[in-house]
């Protein structure tokens, strides 16, 4: 698990579009979420541990149980339904999905 600031994350993922969800958390809750993610020790191991699991575990420790969502999209839907999201940011891919820069490139 790696935690990047937004600009670093976007520069590493510019081959795909994305949606960022800004959560309606107190500064104390944000700090606890960040600390949990920075100290997360489990390795990615589908389906037991996916990229959506650490966020859900951290939010559950804060009292926000979003259920069990294996994928980022289902986690996004659960966040929408929870009322925790105060704003969405939409990020376009900045390089084409062709060539060697995209993992699924032909």
N, C-alpha and C. Protein backbone atom coordinates (compact mmCIF):
# COMPACT_ATOMS: atom_id res chain seq x y z
N UNK A 1 0.86 -1.18 0.00
CA UNK A 1 0.00 0.00 0.00
C UNK A 1 0.89 1.22 0.00
N UNK A 2 0.66 2.10 -0.96
CA UNK A 2 1.40 3.35 -1.01
C UNK A 2 0.42 4.50 -0.95
N UNK A 3 0.80 5.54 -0.28
CA UNK A 3 -0.02 6.74 -0.19
C UNK A 3 0.75 7.86 -0.88
N UNK A 4 0.14 8.43 -1.93
CA UNK A 4 0.75 9.51 -2.68
C UNK A 4 -0.09 10.77 -2.53
N UNK A 5 0.54 11.93 -2.68
CA UNK A 5 -0.29 13.12 -2.78
C UNK A 5 -0.93 13.10 -4.17
N UNK A 6 -1.92 13.91 -4.38
CA UNK A 6 -2.71 13.85 -5.62
C UNK A 6 -1.86 14.02 -6.86
N UNK A 7 -0.97 14.99 -6.89
CA UNK A 7 -0.17 15.23 -8.11
C UNK A 7 0.74 14.05 -8.42
N UNK A 8 1.35 13.42 -7.41
CA UNK A 8 2.19 12.25 -7.65
C UNK A 8 1.36 11.07 -8.17
N UNK A 9 0.20 10.87 -7.55
CA UNK A 9 -0.67 9.77 -7.98
C UNK A 9 -1.10 9.96 -9.45
N UNK A 10 -1.51 11.18 -9.77
CA UNK A 10 -1.96 11.44 -11.14
C UNK A 10 -0.83 11.28 -12.15
N UNK A 11 0.38 11.68 -11.79
CA UNK A 11 1.49 11.53 -12.74
C UNK A 11 1.82 10.06 -13.00
N UNK A 12 1.60 9.21 -12.01
CA UNK A 12 1.85 7.78 -12.17
C UNK A 12 0.71 7.05 -12.88
N UNK A 13 -0.45 7.66 -12.94
CA UNK A 13 -1.64 7.02 -13.52
C UNK A 13 -2.22 7.81 -14.69
N UNK A 14 -1.39 8.54 -15.39
CA UNK A 14 -1.90 9.41 -16.46
C UNK A 14 -2.38 8.65 -17.70
N UNK A 15 -2.22 7.33 -17.70
CA UNK A 15 -2.69 6.51 -18.82
C UNK A 15 -4.17 6.15 -18.70
N UNK A 16 -4.81 6.52 -17.57
CA UNK A 16 -6.22 6.17 -17.38
C UNK A 16 -6.96 7.32 -16.70
N UNK A 17 -8.26 7.37 -16.96
CA UNK A 17 -9.07 8.38 -16.29
C UNK A 17 -9.45 7.88 -14.90
N UNK A 18 -9.90 8.80 -14.07
CA UNK A 18 -10.27 8.41 -12.72
C UNK A 18 -11.22 9.41 -12.09
N UNK A 19 -11.77 9.01 -10.97
CA UNK A 19 -12.65 9.85 -10.19
C UNK A 19 -12.10 9.90 -8.77
N UNK A 20 -11.91 11.11 -8.27
CA UNK A 20 -11.48 11.28 -6.88
C UNK A 20 -12.66 11.68 -6.03
N UNK A 21 -12.79 11.07 -4.90
CA UNK A 21 -13.88 11.39 -3.97
C UNK A 21 -13.30 12.10 -2.75
N UNK A 22 -13.69 13.34 -2.55
CA UNK A 22 -13.28 14.06 -1.35
C UNK A 22 -14.29 13.75 -0.26
N UNK A 23 -13.79 13.19 0.83
CA UNK A 23 -14.68 12.73 1.89
C UNK A 23 -14.96 13.84 2.90
N UNK A 24 -16.14 13.78 3.44
CA UNK A 24 -16.58 14.74 4.44
C UNK A 24 -16.16 14.23 5.82
N UNK A 25 -14.85 14.31 6.11
CA UNK A 25 -14.30 13.85 7.38
C UNK A 25 -13.73 15.04 8.14
N UNK A 26 -13.68 14.92 9.43
CA UNK A 26 -13.04 15.95 10.24
C UNK A 26 -11.53 15.86 10.03
N UNK A 27 -10.78 16.91 10.35
CA UNK A 27 -9.32 16.83 10.24
C UNK A 27 -8.73 15.67 11.06
N UNK A 28 -9.29 15.40 12.21
CA UNK A 28 -8.83 14.29 13.04
C UNK A 28 -9.09 12.95 12.34
N UNK A 29 -10.28 12.79 11.74
CA UNK A 29 -10.60 11.56 11.02
C UNK A 29 -9.70 11.40 9.80
N UNK A 30 -9.44 12.49 9.09
CA UNK A 30 -8.55 12.43 7.92
C UNK A 30 -7.17 11.94 8.33
N UNK A 31 -6.65 12.45 9.43
CA UNK A 31 -5.33 12.07 9.92
C UNK A 31 -5.31 10.59 10.28
N UNK A 32 -6.36 10.11 10.94
CA UNK A 32 -6.44 8.69 11.30
C UNK A 32 -6.50 7.82 10.04
N UNK A 33 -7.26 8.25 9.04
CA UNK A 33 -7.36 7.52 7.77
C UNK A 33 -5.99 7.46 7.10
N UNK A 34 -5.32 8.61 7.02
CA UNK A 34 -4.01 8.67 6.39
C UNK A 34 -3.00 7.78 7.13
N UNK A 35 -2.98 7.87 8.46
CA UNK A 35 -2.05 7.04 9.25
C UNK A 35 -2.32 5.56 9.04
N UNK A 36 -3.59 5.17 9.01
CA UNK A 36 -3.93 3.77 8.80
C UNK A 36 -3.39 3.29 7.46
N UNK A 37 -3.61 4.08 6.41
CA UNK A 37 -3.17 3.68 5.07
C UNK A 37 -1.65 3.66 4.94
N UNK A 38 -0.98 4.61 5.55
CA UNK A 38 0.49 4.65 5.50
C UNK A 38 1.10 3.46 6.23
N UNK A 39 0.41 2.94 7.22
CA UNK A 39 0.94 1.83 8.02
C UNK A 39 0.35 0.48 7.63
N UNK A 40 -0.43 0.42 6.58
CA UNK A 40 -1.07 -0.82 6.15
C UNK A 40 0.00 -1.82 5.71
N UNK A 41 -0.05 -3.03 6.22
CA UNK A 41 1.01 -4.00 5.98
C UNK A 41 0.64 -5.17 5.07
N UNK A 42 -0.65 -5.40 4.83
CA UNK A 42 -1.03 -6.57 4.03
C UNK A 42 -0.73 -6.35 2.55
N UNK A 43 -0.37 -7.41 1.87
CA UNK A 43 -0.09 -7.35 0.45
C UNK A 43 -1.36 -7.55 -0.36
N UNK A 44 -1.35 -7.02 -1.58
CA UNK A 44 -2.46 -7.24 -2.50
C UNK A 44 -2.56 -8.73 -2.78
N UNK A 45 -3.74 -9.30 -2.62
CA UNK A 45 -3.95 -10.72 -2.86
C UNK A 45 -5.42 -10.92 -3.20
N UNK A 46 -5.78 -10.77 -4.48
CA UNK A 46 -7.16 -10.88 -4.91
C UNK A 46 -7.67 -12.29 -4.63
N UNK A 47 -8.86 -12.48 -4.11
CA UNK A 47 -9.86 -11.49 -3.76
C UNK A 47 -9.83 -11.06 -2.29
N UNK A 48 -8.93 -11.66 -1.50
CA UNK A 48 -8.95 -11.35 -0.07
C UNK A 48 -8.55 -9.90 0.23
N UNK A 49 -7.53 -9.41 -0.44
CA UNK A 49 -7.05 -8.05 -0.21
C UNK A 49 -6.87 -7.36 -1.56
N UNK A 50 -7.75 -6.41 -1.83
CA UNK A 50 -7.65 -5.62 -3.05
C UNK A 50 -7.36 -4.17 -2.67
N UNK A 51 -7.22 -3.31 -3.65
CA UNK A 51 -6.93 -1.91 -3.37
C UNK A 51 -8.09 -1.20 -2.66
N UNK A 52 -9.28 -1.77 -2.70
CA UNK A 52 -10.42 -1.16 -2.03
C UNK A 52 -10.49 -1.52 -0.54
N UNK A 53 -9.87 -2.61 -0.16
CA UNK A 53 -9.99 -3.14 1.21
C UNK A 53 -9.39 -2.21 2.27
N UNK A 54 -8.16 -1.70 2.09
CA UNK A 54 -7.59 -0.87 3.15
C UNK A 54 -8.43 0.37 3.47
N UNK A 55 -8.96 1.00 2.45
CA UNK A 55 -9.80 2.19 2.67
C UNK A 55 -11.04 1.82 3.47
N UNK A 56 -11.66 0.71 3.11
CA UNK A 56 -12.85 0.27 3.84
C UNK A 56 -12.54 -0.06 5.29
N UNK A 57 -11.39 -0.72 5.52
CA UNK A 57 -11.01 -1.06 6.88
C UNK A 57 -10.77 0.20 7.71
N UNK A 58 -10.09 1.18 7.12
CA UNK A 58 -9.81 2.43 7.83
C UNK A 58 -11.10 3.16 8.15
N UNK A 59 -12.00 3.25 7.17
CA UNK A 59 -13.27 3.94 7.41
C UNK A 59 -14.12 3.21 8.45
N UNK A 60 -14.05 1.89 8.44
CA UNK A 60 -14.81 1.12 9.43
C UNK A 60 -14.29 1.43 10.84
N UNK A 61 -12.97 1.57 10.99
CA UNK A 61 -12.40 1.93 12.30
C UNK A 61 -12.89 3.31 12.74
N UNK A 62 -13.22 4.16 11.78
CA UNK A 62 -13.75 5.50 12.10
C UNK A 62 -15.26 5.49 12.33
N UNK A 63 -15.89 4.31 12.15
CA UNK A 63 -17.32 4.20 12.38
C UNK A 63 -18.17 4.24 11.13
N UNK A 64 -17.52 4.15 9.95
CA UNK A 64 -18.25 4.18 8.68
C UNK A 64 -18.12 2.81 8.01
N UNK A 65 -19.10 1.96 8.20
CA UNK A 65 -19.08 0.62 7.63
C UNK A 65 -19.71 0.64 6.25
N UNK A 66 -18.90 0.43 5.23
CA UNK A 66 -19.37 0.46 3.84
C UNK A 66 -19.63 -0.93 3.28
N UNK A 67 -19.59 -1.93 4.13
CA UNK A 67 -19.79 -3.29 3.66
C UNK A 67 -18.50 -3.85 3.11
N UNK A 68 -18.61 -4.80 2.19
CA UNK A 68 -17.43 -5.44 1.61
C UNK A 68 -17.45 -5.22 0.10
N UNK A 69 -16.57 -4.38 -0.37
CA UNK A 69 -16.49 -4.05 -1.80
C UNK A 69 -15.11 -4.44 -2.31
N UNK A 70 -15.06 -5.37 -3.26
CA UNK A 70 -13.77 -5.85 -3.76
C UNK A 70 -13.09 -4.88 -4.71
N UNK A 71 -13.86 -4.11 -5.42
CA UNK A 71 -13.30 -3.27 -6.49
C UNK A 71 -13.48 -1.78 -6.19
N UNK A 72 -12.59 -0.95 -6.73
CA UNK A 72 -12.72 0.49 -6.51
C UNK A 72 -14.05 1.06 -6.96
N UNK A 73 -14.60 0.56 -8.04
CA UNK A 73 -15.88 1.09 -8.54
C UNK A 73 -17.00 0.81 -7.54
N UNK A 74 -17.05 -0.41 -7.01
CA UNK A 74 -18.10 -0.71 -6.03
C UNK A 74 -17.88 0.07 -4.74
N UNK A 75 -16.62 0.30 -4.38
CA UNK A 75 -16.34 1.15 -3.21
C UNK A 75 -16.81 2.57 -3.48
N UNK A 76 -16.59 3.07 -4.69
CA UNK A 76 -17.07 4.40 -5.05
C UNK A 76 -18.57 4.52 -4.93
N UNK A 77 -19.28 3.50 -5.39
CA UNK A 77 -20.74 3.50 -5.26
C UNK A 77 -21.16 3.48 -3.79
N UNK A 78 -20.47 2.67 -2.99
CA UNK A 78 -20.80 2.60 -1.56
C UNK A 78 -20.54 3.95 -0.89
N UNK A 79 -19.46 4.63 -1.29
CA UNK A 79 -19.18 5.96 -0.75
C UNK A 79 -20.29 6.95 -1.13
N UNK A 80 -20.74 6.87 -2.39
CA UNK A 80 -21.83 7.75 -2.84
C UNK A 80 -23.08 7.51 -1.99
N UNK A 81 -23.41 6.24 -1.79
CA UNK A 81 -24.60 5.88 -1.03
C UNK A 81 -24.49 6.26 0.44
N UNK A 82 -23.28 6.32 0.97
CA UNK A 82 -23.07 6.59 2.39
C UNK A 82 -23.27 8.04 2.78
N UNK A 83 -23.16 8.93 1.81
CA UNK A 83 -23.24 10.36 2.11
C UNK A 83 -21.92 10.94 2.59
N UNK A 84 -20.85 10.15 2.57
CA UNK A 84 -19.54 10.63 3.03
C UNK A 84 -18.83 11.54 2.02
N UNK A 85 -19.25 11.51 0.77
CA UNK A 85 -18.55 12.27 -0.25
C UNK A 85 -19.09 13.70 -0.31
N UNK A 86 -18.18 14.66 -0.18
CA UNK A 86 -18.61 16.06 -0.28
C UNK A 86 -18.36 16.62 -1.67
N UNK A 87 -17.42 16.02 -2.43
CA UNK A 87 -17.12 16.52 -3.77
C UNK A 87 -16.42 15.43 -4.57
N UNK A 88 -16.66 15.44 -5.87
CA UNK A 88 -15.99 14.53 -6.80
C UNK A 88 -15.08 15.33 -7.71
N UNK A 89 -13.93 14.76 -8.03
CA UNK A 89 -13.02 15.34 -9.01
C UNK A 89 -12.84 14.32 -10.12
N UNK A 90 -12.98 14.77 -11.34
CA UNK A 90 -12.84 13.88 -12.49
C UNK A 90 -11.51 14.16 -13.17
N UNK A 91 -10.73 13.11 -13.40
CA UNK A 91 -9.40 13.23 -13.98
C UNK A 91 -9.37 12.50 -15.31
N UNK A 92 -9.03 13.21 -16.36
CA UNK A 92 -8.90 12.60 -17.68
C UNK A 92 -7.54 11.94 -17.83
N UNK A 93 -7.48 10.91 -18.67
CA UNK A 93 -6.19 10.32 -19.02
C UNK A 93 -5.43 11.38 -19.83
N UNK A 94 -4.15 11.52 -19.56
CA UNK A 94 -3.38 12.56 -20.25
C UNK A 94 -2.44 11.98 -21.31
N UNK A 95 -2.35 10.66 -21.39
CA UNK A 95 -1.60 10.04 -22.48
C UNK A 95 -2.50 8.97 -23.08
N UNK A 96 -2.33 8.67 -24.36
CA UNK A 96 -3.21 7.69 -25.01
C UNK A 96 -3.06 6.29 -24.42
N UNK A 97 -4.12 5.50 -24.54
CA UNK A 97 -4.14 4.12 -24.06
C UNK A 97 -3.56 3.18 -25.11
N UNK A 98 -2.47 3.58 -25.69
CA UNK A 98 -1.79 2.76 -26.71
C UNK A 98 -0.32 2.75 -26.39
N UNK A 99 0.41 1.82 -27.01
CA UNK A 99 1.83 1.76 -26.78
C UNK A 99 2.17 1.03 -25.50
N UNK A 100 3.32 1.31 -24.95
CA UNK A 100 3.79 0.58 -23.77
C UNK A 100 3.47 1.27 -22.47
N UNK A 101 2.89 2.46 -22.51
CA UNK A 101 2.65 3.20 -21.29
C UNK A 101 1.44 2.71 -20.49
N UNK A 102 0.53 2.03 -21.14
CA UNK A 102 -0.65 1.51 -20.46
C UNK A 102 -0.49 0.01 -20.25
N UNK A 103 -0.82 -0.49 -19.07
CA UNK A 103 -0.64 -1.92 -18.79
C UNK A 103 -1.36 -2.85 -19.75
N UNK A 104 -2.48 -2.42 -20.29
CA UNK A 104 -3.26 -3.29 -21.17
C UNK A 104 -3.04 -2.94 -22.66
N UNK A 105 -2.00 -2.15 -22.96
CA UNK A 105 -1.77 -1.69 -24.34
C UNK A 105 -1.56 -2.87 -25.27
N UNK A 106 -1.98 -2.66 -26.50
CA UNK A 106 -1.84 -3.71 -27.53
C UNK A 106 -0.51 -3.59 -28.23
